[in-house]
Amino acid sequence: MEQFIGDDFLVIVSRLFIALILSGLIGFEREINNHSAGFRTHILVGVGSCLMMILSIFGFIAFMDQYENIQFDPARIPSYVISGIGFLGAGTIIVYGGTIKGLTTAASIWAVAGIGLVVGAGMYSVAVVTTLIILASLIFLNQIEHFFPRFQFNNFIEIIASAEFEIHEAVKLIEKNHFNMKQVEIKQLEGGERRIHIWTNIQKNNKLVYLFDDISKLPGVINITKRN
């Protein structure tokens, strides 16, 4: 039984559980905010990366003791983890018109892979500090970003209108209400209707109601909605 488990079994198990806890904390933040990669994904990435590092450190000791000509390179497997995790992160990125979503979640997956590798190497204090930094970035810096208008262009106004709707009239109303416009996207729908997306800053939420009221009075407007 002892030969089956190995001398480093308790060390390996403890590192796996530490990776589970730290990556789970970051995944929980993503989960409660309804992001594409949440609790389970981050745990799998963190624990899996930790396992790869453990394999790199402990997996070839027996061969090294048995054969003198075997060279030990503990960085080889982790290097493939770092490069390979990019494919998983790319799957969480969504491009919708002029908006790109999922970059933060992709970055958190990549960072969790790093945490797993660090824990697998036994650098617990570094892993804990890194986890706290990432959580602070995801939770607190997200709130700070709302104070800066340049981060608000991920929100857009969607207008469903008939052919008689004139876009330049809506643009005039947007500028009249002191909103900054970044981009306009128009898509033709069936029956001559059009779907119009206008990216603008929304830091002045109290004026958004007045803007919607003004645009809704324009000829041809069927529906107007704020989306993000």
Protein backbone atom coordinates (compact mmCIF):
# COMPACT_ATOMS: atom_id res chain seq x y z
CA MET A 1 0.00 0.00 0.00
CA GLU A 2 2.79 2.41 0.90
CA GLN A 3 4.52 1.64 -2.39
CA PHE A 4 1.27 2.34 -4.27
CA ILE A 5 0.64 5.70 -2.55
CA GLY A 6 4.22 6.95 -2.53
CA ASP A 7 6.29 8.91 -0.05
CA ASP A 8 5.03 12.31 -1.26
CA PHE A 9 1.33 11.46 -1.30
CA LEU A 10 0.29 13.81 1.52
CA VAL A 11 2.29 16.69 0.05
CA ILE A 12 0.71 16.14 -3.36
CA VAL A 13 -2.83 15.92 -1.98
CA SER A 14 -2.40 19.05 0.13
CA ARG A 15 -1.18 21.00 -2.90
CA LEU A 16 -4.14 19.82 -4.96
CA PHE A 17 -6.59 20.94 -2.27
CA ILE A 18 -4.88 24.32 -1.87
CA ALA A 19 -5.11 24.81 -5.65
CA LEU A 20 -8.79 23.84 -5.48
CA ILE A 21 -9.54 26.43 -2.77
CA LEU A 22 -7.63 29.32 -4.35
CA SER A 23 -8.90 28.75 -7.89
CA GLY A 24 -12.40 28.16 -6.51
CA LEU A 25 -12.41 31.58 -4.87
CA ILE A 26 -11.71 33.27 -8.20
CA GLY A 27 -14.19 31.03 -10.00
CA PHE A 28 -16.87 31.84 -7.43
CA GLU A 29 -16.53 35.57 -8.19
CA ARG A 30 -16.97 34.83 -11.90
CA GLU A 31 -19.93 32.52 -11.16
CA ILE A 32 -21.96 35.01 -9.11
CA ASN A 33 -21.51 37.59 -11.89
CA ASN A 34 -22.85 35.15 -14.51
CA HIS A 35 -19.73 34.92 -16.64
CA SER A 36 -19.16 32.21 -19.22
CA ALA A 37 -16.46 30.42 -17.24
CA GLY A 38 -17.34 30.13 -13.59
CA PHE A 39 -16.76 28.04 -10.49
CA ARG A 40 -16.19 24.60 -12.00
CA THR A 41 -14.11 25.81 -14.94
CA HIS A 42 -11.67 27.73 -12.75
CA ILE A 43 -11.35 24.81 -10.33
CA LEU A 44 -10.61 22.39 -13.16
CA VAL A 45 -8.01 24.74 -14.63
CA GLY A 46 -6.34 25.42 -11.27
CA VAL A 47 -6.29 21.82 -10.08
CA GLY A 48 -5.30 20.53 -13.51
CA SER A 49 -2.38 22.96 -13.73
CA CYS A 50 -1.30 22.00 -10.22
CA LEU A 51 -1.41 18.34 -11.24
CA MET A 52 0.81 19.03 -14.25
CA MET A 53 3.36 20.81 -12.08
CA ILE A 54 3.28 17.97 -9.54
CA LEU A 55 3.86 15.52 -12.37
CA SER A 56 6.79 17.59 -13.54
CA ILE A 57 8.37 17.68 -10.07
CA PHE A 58 7.56 14.26 -8.62
CA GLY A 59 6.65 12.13 -11.62
CA PHE A 60 10.13 11.32 -12.87
CA ILE A 61 12.13 10.97 -9.66
CA ALA A 62 12.12 7.17 -9.90
CA PHE A 63 13.49 7.28 -13.44
CA MET A 64 16.21 9.72 -12.42
CA ASP A 65 17.28 7.46 -9.57
CA GLN A 66 17.31 4.44 -11.85
CA TYR A 67 19.02 5.95 -14.89
CA GLU A 68 21.90 8.37 -14.55
CA ASN A 69 21.67 9.73 -18.10
CA ILE A 70 18.13 11.17 -17.69
CA GLN A 71 18.05 14.96 -17.49
CA PHE A 72 15.48 16.67 -15.29
CA ASP A 73 13.64 19.70 -16.75
CA PRO A 74 10.76 20.70 -14.43
CA ALA A 75 9.83 23.68 -16.63
CA ARG A 76 8.95 21.70 -19.75
CA ILE A 77 5.44 20.53 -18.80
CA PRO A 78 4.41 23.87 -17.18
CA SER A 79 5.49 25.73 -20.31
CA TYR A 80 2.99 23.71 -22.35
CA VAL A 81 0.28 24.43 -19.77
CA ILE A 82 0.84 28.19 -20.07
CA SER A 83 0.71 28.12 -23.87
CA GLY A 84 -2.13 25.62 -24.09
CA ILE A 85 -4.44 27.41 -21.67
CA GLY A 86 -4.85 30.18 -24.24
CA PHE A 87 -7.15 27.96 -26.29
CA LEU A 88 -9.49 27.56 -23.35
CA GLY A 89 -9.44 31.30 -22.64
CA ALA A 90 -10.24 32.08 -26.27
CA GLY A 91 -13.43 30.07 -25.94
CA THR A 92 -14.77 32.50 -23.34
CA ILE A 93 -14.30 35.58 -25.55
CA ILE A 94 -17.41 36.75 -27.40
CA VAL A 95 -17.33 39.34 -30.18
CA TYR A 96 -20.68 41.07 -30.70
CA GLY A 97 -20.60 43.91 -33.17
CA GLY A 98 -18.09 46.39 -31.82
CA THR A 99 -18.18 44.89 -28.35
CA ILE A 100 -15.78 42.25 -27.04
CA LYS A 101 -16.81 40.35 -23.93
CA GLY A 102 -15.04 37.69 -21.91
CA LEU A 103 -11.52 39.12 -21.94
CA THR A 104 -11.43 39.43 -18.15
CA THR A 105 -12.69 35.88 -17.69
CA ALA A 106 -10.12 34.60 -20.18
CA ALA A 107 -7.41 36.44 -18.27
CA SER A 108 -8.64 35.00 -14.96
CA ILE A 109 -8.48 31.47 -16.40
CA TRP A 110 -4.91 32.09 -17.52
CA ALA A 111 -4.00 33.51 -14.09
CA VAL A 112 -5.64 30.56 -12.30
CA ALA A 113 -3.48 28.23 -14.39
CA GLY A 114 -0.47 30.13 -13.06
CA ILE A 115 -1.74 29.80 -9.50
CA GLY A 116 -2.11 26.05 -9.98
CA LEU A 117 1.45 25.77 -11.24
CA VAL A 118 2.78 27.85 -8.34
CA VAL A 119 0.91 25.75 -5.78
CA GLY A 120 2.16 22.59 -7.48
CA ALA A 121 5.69 23.89 -7.00
CA GLY A 122 5.02 24.41 -3.27
CA MET A 123 5.07 28.23 -3.35
CA TYR A 124 1.98 28.62 -1.15
CA SER A 125 2.50 32.18 0.07
CA VAL A 126 2.99 33.46 -3.47
CA ALA A 127 -0.18 31.67 -4.57
CA VAL A 128 -2.24 33.15 -1.72
CA VAL A 129 -1.01 36.69 -2.37
CA THR A 130 -1.67 36.29 -6.11
CA THR A 131 -5.19 35.05 -5.41
CA LEU A 132 -5.91 38.06 -3.20
CA ILE A 133 -4.59 40.43 -5.88
CA ILE A 134 -6.73 38.82 -8.58
CA LEU A 135 -9.86 38.89 -6.40
CA ALA A 136 -9.24 42.55 -5.56
CA SER A 137 -8.84 43.31 -9.26
CA LEU A 138 -12.05 41.51 -10.21
CA ILE A 139 -14.21 42.85 -7.38
CA PHE A 140 -12.98 46.31 -6.42
CA LEU A 141 -11.42 47.58 -9.64
CA ASN A 142 -14.60 46.65 -11.47
CA GLN A 143 -16.44 49.16 -9.28
CA ILE A 144 -13.81 51.85 -9.84
CA GLU A 145 -14.06 51.48 -13.62
CA HIS A 146 -17.63 52.79 -13.55
CA PHE A 147 -16.30 56.22 -12.62
CA PHE A 148 -14.37 56.49 -15.88
CA PRO A 149 -16.45 57.23 -19.00
CA ARG A 150 -14.08 55.44 -21.38
CA PHE A 151 -15.04 52.10 -19.86
CA GLN A 152 -18.72 52.68 -20.51
CA PHE A 153 -18.69 52.23 -24.28
CA ASN A 154 -19.40 48.50 -23.90
CA ASN A 155 -23.02 49.57 -23.45
CA PHE A 156 -25.14 50.42 -26.45
CA ILE A 157 -28.62 51.60 -27.36
CA GLU A 158 -30.63 49.27 -29.57
CA ILE A 159 -33.31 50.85 -31.74
CA ILE A 160 -35.77 48.85 -33.82
CA ALA A 161 -37.25 51.19 -36.42
CA SER A 162 -39.07 51.25 -39.74
CA ALA A 163 -37.67 52.64 -42.98
CA GLU A 164 -38.90 56.16 -42.25
CA PHE A 165 -36.65 56.48 -39.21
CA GLU A 166 -33.78 58.93 -39.75
CA ILE A 167 -30.67 58.03 -37.79
CA HIS A 168 -29.19 61.51 -37.86
CA GLU A 169 -32.17 62.75 -35.84
CA ALA A 170 -31.35 60.26 -33.09
CA VAL A 171 -27.70 61.34 -33.20
CA LYS A 172 -28.77 64.94 -32.67
CA LEU A 173 -30.75 63.93 -29.58
CA ILE A 174 -27.80 61.94 -28.21
CA GLU A 175 -25.52 64.95 -28.55
CA LYS A 176 -28.21 67.24 -27.15
CA ASN A 177 -28.33 65.15 -23.98
CA HIS A 178 -24.52 65.36 -23.69
CA PHE A 179 -23.73 61.72 -24.43
CA ASN A 180 -20.60 60.74 -26.35
CA MET A 181 -21.16 58.46 -29.33
CA LYS A 182 -18.48 55.99 -30.39
CA GLN A 183 -19.94 53.68 -33.02
CA VAL A 184 -23.12 52.96 -34.99
CA GLU A 185 -24.13 49.62 -36.46
CA ILE A 186 -27.15 49.09 -38.74
CA LYS A 187 -28.70 45.76 -39.72
CA GLN A 188 -31.58 45.32 -42.15
CA LEU A 189 -34.47 43.20 -40.91
CA GLU A 190 -37.44 41.66 -42.65
CA GLY A 191 -40.26 43.96 -43.71
CA GLY A 192 -38.01 46.96 -44.22
CA GLU A 193 -37.27 47.37 -40.52
CA ARG A 194 -33.78 48.09 -39.21
CA ARG A 195 -31.92 47.22 -36.04
CA ILE A 196 -29.62 50.07 -35.03
CA HIS A 197 -26.94 49.78 -32.34
CA ILE A 198 -25.41 52.99 -31.06
CA TRP A 199 -22.47 52.67 -28.65
CA THR A 200 -22.35 55.53 -26.17
CA ASN A 201 -21.21 56.30 -22.62
CA ILE A 202 -23.88 55.97 -19.96
CA GLN A 203 -22.24 57.52 -16.94
CA LYS A 204 -25.15 59.99 -16.76
CA ASN A 205 -27.88 57.46 -16.10
CA ASN A 206 -30.29 60.11 -14.87
CA LYS A 207 -30.41 61.57 -18.41
CA LEU A 208 -30.86 58.22 -20.12
CA VAL A 209 -34.62 58.25 -19.46
CA TYR A 210 -34.97 61.67 -21.09
CA LEU A 211 -32.91 60.50 -24.07
CA PHE A 212 -35.09 57.42 -24.55
CA ASP A 213 -38.21 59.54 -24.27
CA ASP A 214 -36.96 61.92 -26.97
CA ILE A 215 -35.87 59.13 -29.35
CA SER A 216 -39.13 57.21 -28.90
CA LYS A 217 -41.03 60.24 -30.24
CA LEU A 218 -39.16 60.16 -33.54
CA PRO A 219 -41.11 58.85 -36.57
CA GLY A 220 -40.55 55.16 -37.27
CA VAL A 221 -39.24 54.09 -33.83
CA ILE A 222 -40.72 50.74 -32.82
CA ASN A 223 -38.60 49.82 -29.80
CA ILE A 224 -35.63 51.25 -27.92
CA THR A 225 -33.54 49.39 -25.34
CA LYS A 226 -30.23 49.75 -23.48
CA ARG A 227 -28.01 46.69 -23.79
CA ASN A 228 -24.56 45.67 -22.58
